[in-house]
């Protein structure tokens, strides 16, 4: 029997799912070959800002899968393509208001199937979603903040149940694209230079005697 989790409205898109079947940072899906038993109908935005998404991978998926996000039932109009996105790539899916309800779907363009977050939304009545919290860290060469890991299985009937075919990290709030480590280094050097210039200006007298 599947375990259904009704998320309260104040739940965060970064919700730490306090259940044994979706322990934090169990990434990727640990039970390949068996259907995910955790059903999450929707997420809720923790704060006003943007729906921030980082691509986490596609495993060995050969089908072209398109991720879409819906806010309060309305398509944001933004997508992620598992065949063209790069690991760690950042996507801004548009504005959110705190407590907005967020859902995701996967469209397998190779088969024409569209998979939602719950088995009841799917023609094969299979759970195509796996999700857990992510504590943050390097994804590819991008430093991704603490967020929600969301992964889809694209094959009808569950296929291999590996939940690797399109994976993302999602976070609500005011977050811009996180700079890569090399960018951080350049920013730090820039701030150091600004500080040095300010120091030199301070060391000069404000007025000189005639």
C-alpha atoms as a PDB file:
ATOM      1  CA  UNK A   1       0.000   0.000   0.000  1.00  0.00           C
ATOM      2  CA  UNK A   2       1.302   3.425  -0.907  1.00  0.00           C
ATOM      3  CA  UNK A   3       1.813   5.977   1.801  1.00  0.00           C
ATOM      4  CA  UNK A   4       0.014   9.221   0.998  1.00  0.00           C
ATOM      5  CA  UNK A   5       1.312  12.427   2.501  1.00  0.00           C
ATOM      6  CA  UNK A   6      -0.967  15.443   2.528  1.00  0.00           C
ATOM      7  CA  UNK A   7       1.299  18.465   2.853  1.00  0.00           C
ATOM      8  CA  UNK A   8      -0.063  21.307   5.007  1.00  0.00           C
ATOM      9  CA  UNK A   9      -0.288  24.728   3.411  1.00  0.00           C
ATOM     10  CA  UNK A  10       2.562  26.065   5.511  1.00  0.00           C
ATOM     11  CA  UNK A  11       4.865  23.301   4.343  1.00  0.00           C
ATOM     12  CA  UNK A  12       7.914  24.496   2.473  1.00  0.00           C
ATOM     13  CA  UNK A  13       9.061  23.596  -0.996  1.00  0.00           C
ATOM     14  CA  UNK A  14      12.170  22.737   1.017  1.00  0.00           C
ATOM     15  CA  UNK A  15      10.150  20.563   3.378  1.00  0.00           C
ATOM     16  CA  UNK A  16      12.175  18.016   5.303  1.00  0.00           C
ATOM     17  CA  UNK A  17      10.000  14.981   4.832  1.00  0.00           C
ATOM     18  CA  UNK A  18       9.995  13.346   8.251  1.00  0.00           C
ATOM     19  CA  UNK A  19       9.211   9.850   7.056  1.00  0.00           C
ATOM     20  CA  UNK A  20      11.370   6.794   6.737  1.00  0.00           C
ATOM     21  CA  UNK A  21      10.662   6.327   3.022  1.00  0.00           C
ATOM     22  CA  UNK A  22      12.040   9.764   2.112  1.00  0.00           C
ATOM     23  CA  UNK A  23      14.989  10.396   4.425  1.00  0.00           C
ATOM     24  CA  UNK A  24      16.967  13.560   3.842  1.00  0.00           C
ATOM     25  CA  UNK A  25      19.770  13.313   1.297  1.00  0.00           C
ATOM     26  CA  UNK A  26      18.956   9.755   0.210  1.00  0.00           C
ATOM     27  CA  UNK A  27      19.930  10.656  -3.344  1.00  0.00           C
ATOM     28  CA  UNK A  28      19.377   9.125  -5.810  1.00  0.00           C
ATOM     29  CA  UNK A  29      16.388   6.832  -5.242  1.00  0.00           C
ATOM     30  CA  UNK A  30      17.726   3.905  -3.185  1.00  0.00           C
ATOM     31  CA  UNK A  31      15.266   1.134  -4.115  1.00  0.00           C
ATOM     32  CA  UNK A  32      15.777   0.709  -7.858  1.00  0.00           C
ATOM     33  CA  UNK A  33      13.371  -1.855  -9.281  1.00  0.00           C
ATOM     34  CA  UNK A  34      10.547  -1.101  -6.848  1.00  0.00           C
ATOM     35  CA  UNK A  35       7.922   1.628  -6.961  1.00  0.00           C
ATOM     36  CA  UNK A  36       8.376   4.626  -4.682  1.00  0.00           C
ATOM     37  CA  UNK A  37       5.864   4.354  -1.825  1.00  0.00           C
ATOM     38  CA  UNK A  38       5.913   8.021  -0.873  1.00  0.00           C
ATOM     39  CA  UNK A  39       3.177  10.051  -2.517  1.00  0.00           C
ATOM     40  CA  UNK A  40       3.483  13.845  -2.379  1.00  0.00           C
ATOM     41  CA  UNK A  41       0.521  15.523  -4.115  1.00  0.00           C
ATOM     42  CA  UNK A  42       1.986  19.039  -4.006  1.00  0.00           C
ATOM     43  CA  UNK A  43       4.576  21.343  -2.491  1.00  0.00           C
ATOM     44  CA  UNK A  44       4.033  24.749  -0.903  1.00  0.00           C
ATOM     45  CA  UNK A  45       6.274  27.805  -1.234  1.00  0.00           C
ATOM     46  CA  UNK A  46       8.185  28.670   1.926  1.00  0.00           C
ATOM     47  CA  UNK A  47       8.469  32.351   1.085  1.00  0.00           C
ATOM     48  CA  UNK A  48       7.776  34.985  -1.514  1.00  0.00           C
ATOM     49  CA  UNK A  49      10.399  35.137  -4.255  1.00  0.00           C
ATOM     50  CA  UNK A  50      11.151  32.844  -7.171  1.00  0.00           C
ATOM     51  CA  UNK A  51      10.785  29.173  -7.956  1.00  0.00           C
ATOM     52  CA  UNK A  52      14.445  28.253  -8.365  1.00  0.00           C
ATOM     53  CA  UNK A  53      15.383  25.009 -10.107  1.00  0.00           C
ATOM     54  CA  UNK A  54      18.763  23.349 -10.683  1.00  0.00           C
ATOM     55  CA  UNK A  55      19.108  20.394 -13.056  1.00  0.00           C
ATOM     56  CA  UNK A  56      20.498  17.353 -11.236  1.00  0.00           C
ATOM     57  CA  UNK A  57      20.779  14.767 -13.997  1.00  0.00           C
ATOM     58  CA  UNK A  58      19.031  12.283 -16.287  1.00  0.00           C
ATOM     59  CA  UNK A  59      20.750   9.000 -15.468  1.00  0.00           C
ATOM     60  CA  UNK A  60      20.886   6.957 -18.650  1.00  0.00           C
ATOM     61  CA  UNK A  61      17.509   8.167 -19.945  1.00  0.00           C
ATOM     62  CA  UNK A  62      17.225   7.945 -23.716  1.00  0.00           C
ATOM     63  CA  UNK A  63      13.780   9.529 -23.969  1.00  0.00           C
ATOM     64  CA  UNK A  64      13.400  13.288 -24.163  1.00  0.00           C
ATOM     65  CA  UNK A  65      11.624  14.407 -20.987  1.00  0.00           C
ATOM     66  CA  UNK A  66      10.244  17.870 -20.316  1.00  0.00           C
ATOM     67  CA  UNK A  67       9.641  19.128 -16.772  1.00  0.00           C
ATOM     68  CA  UNK A  68       6.873  21.659 -16.199  1.00  0.00           C
ATOM     69  CA  UNK A  69       5.866  23.457 -13.014  1.00  0.00           C
ATOM     70  CA  UNK A  70       2.422  24.701 -12.047  1.00  0.00           C
ATOM     71  CA  UNK A  71       1.748  27.358  -9.439  1.00  0.00           C
ATOM     72  CA  UNK A  72      -1.762  27.209  -8.005  1.00  0.00           C
ATOM     73  CA  UNK A  73      -2.722  25.117 -11.020  1.00  0.00           C
ATOM     74  CA  UNK A  74      -1.333  27.523 -13.633  1.00  0.00           C
ATOM     75  CA  UNK A  75       1.552  26.508 -15.902  1.00  0.00           C
ATOM     76  CA  UNK A  76       4.548  28.773 -15.263  1.00  0.00           C
ATOM     77  CA  UNK A  77       5.502  28.497 -18.938  1.00  0.00           C
ATOM     78  CA  UNK A  78       9.071  27.460 -18.082  1.00  0.00           C
ATOM     79  CA  UNK A  79      10.526  24.024 -18.797  1.00  0.00           C
ATOM     80  CA  UNK A  80      13.603  21.853 -18.315  1.00  0.00           C
ATOM     81  CA  UNK A  81      14.646  19.401 -21.037  1.00  0.00           C
ATOM     82  CA  UNK A  82      16.596  16.417 -19.698  1.00  0.00           C
ATOM     83  CA  UNK A  83      18.528  15.999 -22.952  1.00  0.00           C
ATOM     84  CA  UNK A  84      19.760  19.586 -23.285  1.00  0.00           C
ATOM     85  CA  UNK A  85      20.153  20.757 -19.677  1.00  0.00           C
ATOM     86  CA  UNK A  86      23.550  20.392 -18.014  1.00  0.00           C
ATOM     87  CA  UNK A  87      24.104  19.165 -14.467  1.00  0.00           C
ATOM     88  CA  UNK A  88      24.030  22.136 -12.125  1.00  0.00           C
ATOM     89  CA  UNK A  89      22.319  24.428 -14.661  1.00  0.00           C
ATOM     90  CA  UNK A  90      20.035  26.995 -13.020  1.00  0.00           C
ATOM     91  CA  UNK A  91      16.482  27.828 -14.139  1.00  0.00           C
ATOM     92  CA  UNK A  92      14.220  30.571 -12.793  1.00  0.00           C
ATOM     93  CA  UNK A  93      10.610  29.376 -13.069  1.00  0.00           C
ATOM     94  CA  UNK A  94       9.123  32.742 -12.193  1.00  0.00           C
ATOM     95  CA  UNK A  95       7.671  34.424  -9.119  1.00  0.00           C
ATOM     96  CA  UNK A  96       6.047  32.781  -6.131  1.00  0.00           C
ATOM     97  CA  UNK A  97       4.098  34.090  -3.172  1.00  0.00           C
ATOM     98  CA  UNK A  98       4.507  32.406   0.189  1.00  0.00           C
ATOM     99  CA  UNK A  99       2.122  29.426   0.540  1.00  0.00           C
ATOM    100  CA  UNK A 100       1.566  29.113  -3.216  1.00  0.00           C
ATOM    101  CA  UNK A 101       0.942  25.505  -4.186  1.00  0.00           C
ATOM    102  CA  UNK A 102       3.524  24.062  -6.584  1.00  0.00           C
ATOM    103  CA  UNK A 103       3.238  20.855  -8.618  1.00  0.00           C
ATOM    104  CA  UNK A 104       5.428  19.323 -11.304  1.00  0.00           C
ATOM    105  CA  UNK A 105       4.735  17.133 -14.325  1.00  0.00           C
ATOM    106  CA  UNK A 106       6.986  15.191 -16.649  1.00  0.00           C
ATOM    107  CA  UNK A 107       6.176  14.896 -20.359  1.00  0.00           C
ATOM    108  CA  UNK A 108       7.958  12.066 -22.142  1.00  0.00           C
ATOM    109  CA  UNK A 109       7.947  13.430 -25.685  1.00  0.00           C
ATOM    110  CA  UNK A 110       9.240  10.114 -27.037  1.00  0.00           C
ATOM    111  CA  UNK A 111       6.134   8.223 -25.882  1.00  0.00           C
ATOM    112  CA  UNK A 112       3.683  11.093 -25.463  1.00  0.00           C
ATOM    113  CA  UNK A 113       3.019  10.175 -21.829  1.00  0.00           C
ATOM    114  CA  UNK A 114       2.495  12.874 -19.213  1.00  0.00           C
ATOM    115  CA  UNK A 115       3.216  11.908 -15.615  1.00  0.00           C
ATOM    116  CA  UNK A 116       1.972  13.821 -12.585  1.00  0.00           C
ATOM    117  CA  UNK A 117       2.986  13.651  -8.950  1.00  0.00           C
ATOM    118  CA  UNK A 118       0.367  11.128  -7.828  1.00  0.00           C
ATOM    119  CA  UNK A 119      -0.608   7.706  -9.203  1.00  0.00           C
ATOM    120  CA  UNK A 120      -4.212   8.857  -9.583  1.00  0.00           C
ATOM    121  CA  UNK A 121      -3.070  11.511 -12.057  1.00  0.00           C
ATOM    122  CA  UNK A 122      -1.336   8.925 -14.244  1.00  0.00           C
ATOM    123  CA  UNK A 123      -2.849   6.640 -16.860  1.00  0.00           C
ATOM    124  CA  UNK A 124      -0.895   3.645 -15.518  1.00  0.00           C
ATOM    125  CA  UNK A 125      -1.777   4.448 -11.863  1.00  0.00           C
ATOM    126  CA  UNK A 126       1.932   4.276 -11.014  1.00  0.00           C
ATOM    127  CA  UNK A 127       3.873   6.669  -8.784  1.00  0.00           C
ATOM    128  CA  UNK A 128       6.387   8.365 -11.108  1.00  0.00           C
ATOM    129  CA  UNK A 129       7.836  10.733  -8.456  1.00  0.00           C
ATOM    130  CA  UNK A 130      10.537  10.382  -5.830  1.00  0.00           C
ATOM    131  CA  UNK A 131      11.431  13.285  -3.538  1.00  0.00           C
ATOM    132  CA  UNK A 132      13.560  14.005  -0.498  1.00  0.00           C
ATOM    133  CA  UNK A 133      15.387  16.970   1.011  1.00  0.00           C
ATOM    134  CA  UNK A 134      18.883  18.006  -0.028  1.00  0.00           C
ATOM    135  CA  UNK A 135      21.222  19.688   2.464  1.00  0.00           C
ATOM    136  CA  UNK A 136      23.034  21.620  -0.240  1.00  0.00           C
ATOM    137  CA  UNK A 137      26.394  21.216  -1.939  1.00  0.00           C
ATOM    138  CA  UNK A 138      28.150  21.043  -5.287  1.00  0.00           C
ATOM    139  CA  UNK A 139      26.072  19.797  -8.204  1.00  0.00           C
ATOM    140  CA  UNK A 140      28.363  19.619 -11.184  1.00  0.00           C
ATOM    141  CA  UNK A 141      30.351  22.819 -10.695  1.00  0.00           C
ATOM    142  CA  UNK A 142      27.442  24.743  -9.171  1.00  0.00           C
ATOM    143  CA  UNK A 143      26.966  25.301  -5.447  1.00  0.00           C
ATOM    144  CA  UNK A 144      23.272  24.510  -4.876  1.00  0.00           C
ATOM    145  CA  UNK A 145      21.643  25.618  -1.607  1.00  0.00           C
ATOM    146  CA  UNK A 146      19.543  23.423   0.666  1.00  0.00           C
ATOM    147  CA  UNK A 147      16.541  22.487  -1.425  1.00  0.00           C
ATOM    148  CA  UNK A 148      14.099  19.739  -2.405  1.00  0.00           C
ATOM    149  CA  UNK A 149      15.313  16.883  -4.589  1.00  0.00           C
ATOM    150  CA  UNK A 150      12.642  15.844  -7.109  1.00  0.00           C
ATOM    151  CA  UNK A 151      13.098  12.970  -9.545  1.00  0.00           C
ATOM    152  CA  UNK A 152      10.846  11.309 -12.115  1.00  0.00           C
ATOM    153  CA  UNK A 153      10.570   7.856 -13.678  1.00  0.00           C
ATOM    154  CA  UNK A 154       9.593   8.268 -17.345  1.00  0.00           C
ATOM    155  CA  UNK A 155       8.651   4.730 -18.397  1.00  0.00           C
ATOM    156  CA  UNK A 156       5.030   3.587 -18.467  1.00  0.00           C
ATOM    157  CA  UNK A 157       4.251   1.036 -15.784  1.00  0.00           C
ATOM    158  CA  UNK A 158       7.314   2.179 -13.901  1.00  0.00           C
ATOM    159  CA  UNK A 159       9.763   0.478 -16.233  1.00  0.00           C
ATOM    160  CA  UNK A 160      12.952   0.017 -14.249  1.00  0.00           C
ATOM    161  CA  UNK A 161      11.763   2.195 -11.329  1.00  0.00           C
ATOM    162  CA  UNK A 162      15.111   3.965 -11.084  1.00  0.00           C
ATOM    163  CA  UNK A 163      13.661   7.512 -10.786  1.00  0.00           C
ATOM    164  CA  UNK A 164      16.689   8.981 -12.568  1.00  0.00           C
ATOM    165  CA  UNK A 165      15.198  10.137 -15.870  1.00  0.00           C
ATOM    166  CA  UNK A 166      14.826  13.792 -14.930  1.00  0.00           C
ATOM    167  CA  UNK A 167      16.145  15.057 -11.611  1.00  0.00           C
ATOM    168  CA  UNK A 168      16.091  18.575 -10.182  1.00  0.00           C
ATOM    169  CA  UNK A 169      16.653  20.524  -6.994  1.00  0.00           C
ATOM    170  CA  UNK A 170      13.970  23.120  -6.272  1.00  0.00           C
ATOM    171  CA  UNK A 171      13.877  26.000  -3.812  1.00  0.00           C
ATOM    172  CA  UNK A 172      11.399  28.796  -3.183  1.00  0.00           C
ATOM    173  CA  UNK A 173      12.468  32.296  -2.210  1.00  0.00           C
ATOM    174  CA  UNK A 174      14.669  35.132  -3.342  1.00  0.00           C
ATOM    175  CA  UNK A 175      17.622  33.213  -4.745  1.00  0.00           C
ATOM    176  CA  UNK A 176      19.606  34.092  -7.837  1.00  0.00           C
ATOM    177  CA  UNK A 177      21.732  31.665  -9.786  1.00  0.00           C
ATOM    178  CA  UNK A 178      24.444  30.502  -7.414  1.00  0.00           C
ATOM    179  CA  UNK A 179      27.898  31.444  -8.741  1.00  0.00           C
ATOM    180  CA  UNK A 180      30.368  28.730  -9.618  1.00  0.00           C
ATOM    181  CA  UNK A 181      33.485  28.455  -7.383  1.00  0.00           C
ATOM    182  CA  UNK A 182      35.630  30.365  -9.909  1.00  0.00           C
ATOM    183  CA  UNK A 183      33.060  33.169  -9.933  1.00  0.00           C
ATOM    184  CA  UNK A 184      33.124  33.322  -6.124  1.00  0.00           C
ATOM    185  CA  UNK A 185      36.921  33.738  -6.270  1.00  0.00           C
ATOM    186  CA  UNK A 186      36.627  36.620  -8.736  1.00  0.00           C
ATOM    187  CA  UNK A 187      33.953  38.279  -6.591  1.00  0.00           C
ATOM    188  CA  UNK A 188      36.150  38.031  -3.489  1.00  0.00           C
ATOM    189  CA  UNK A 189      39.091  39.581  -5.384  1.00  0.00           C
ATOM    190  CA  UNK A 190      36.776  42.334  -6.583  1.00  0.00           C
ATOM    191  CA  UNK A 191      35.594  43.121  -3.057  1.00  0.00           C
ATOM    192  CA  UNK A 192      39.217  43.148  -1.862  1.00  0.00           C
ATOM    193  CA  UNK A 193      40.097  45.638  -4.595  1.00  0.00           C
ATOM    194  CA  UNK A 194      37.194  47.911  -3.669  1.00  0.00           C
ATOM    195  CA  UNK A 195      38.268  47.782  -0.023  1.00  0.00           C
ATOM    196  CA  UNK A 196      41.846  48.717  -0.935  1.00  0.00           C
ATOM    197  CA  UNK A 197      40.712  51.693  -3.034  1.00  0.00           C
ATOM    198  CA  UNK A 198      38.484  52.900  -0.203  1.00  0.00           C
ATOM    199  CA  UNK A 199      41.432  52.628   2.206  1.00  0.00           C
ATOM    200  CA  UNK A 200      43.674  54.699  -0.120  1.00  0.00           C
ATOM    201  CA  UNK A 201      41.030  57.396  -0.416  1.00  0.00           C
ATOM    202  CA  UNK A 202      40.649  57.550   3.351  1.00  0.00           C
ATOM    203  CA  UNK A 203      44.398  57.883   3.818  1.00  0.00           C
ATOM    204  CA  UNK A 204      44.483  61.037   1.648  1.00  0.00           C
ATOM    205  CA  UNK A 205      43.599  64.360   3.335  1.00  0.00           C
ATOM    206  CA  UNK A 206      40.168  65.711   2.531  1.00  0.00           C
ATOM    207  CA  UNK A 207      41.563  69.225   1.860  1.00  0.00           C
ATOM    208  CA  UNK A 208      45.029  70.451   1.071  1.00  0.00           C
ATOM    209  CA  UNK A 209      46.390  73.752   2.403  1.00  0.00           C
ATOM    210  CA  UNK A 210      46.952  76.396  -0.234  1.00  0.00           C
END
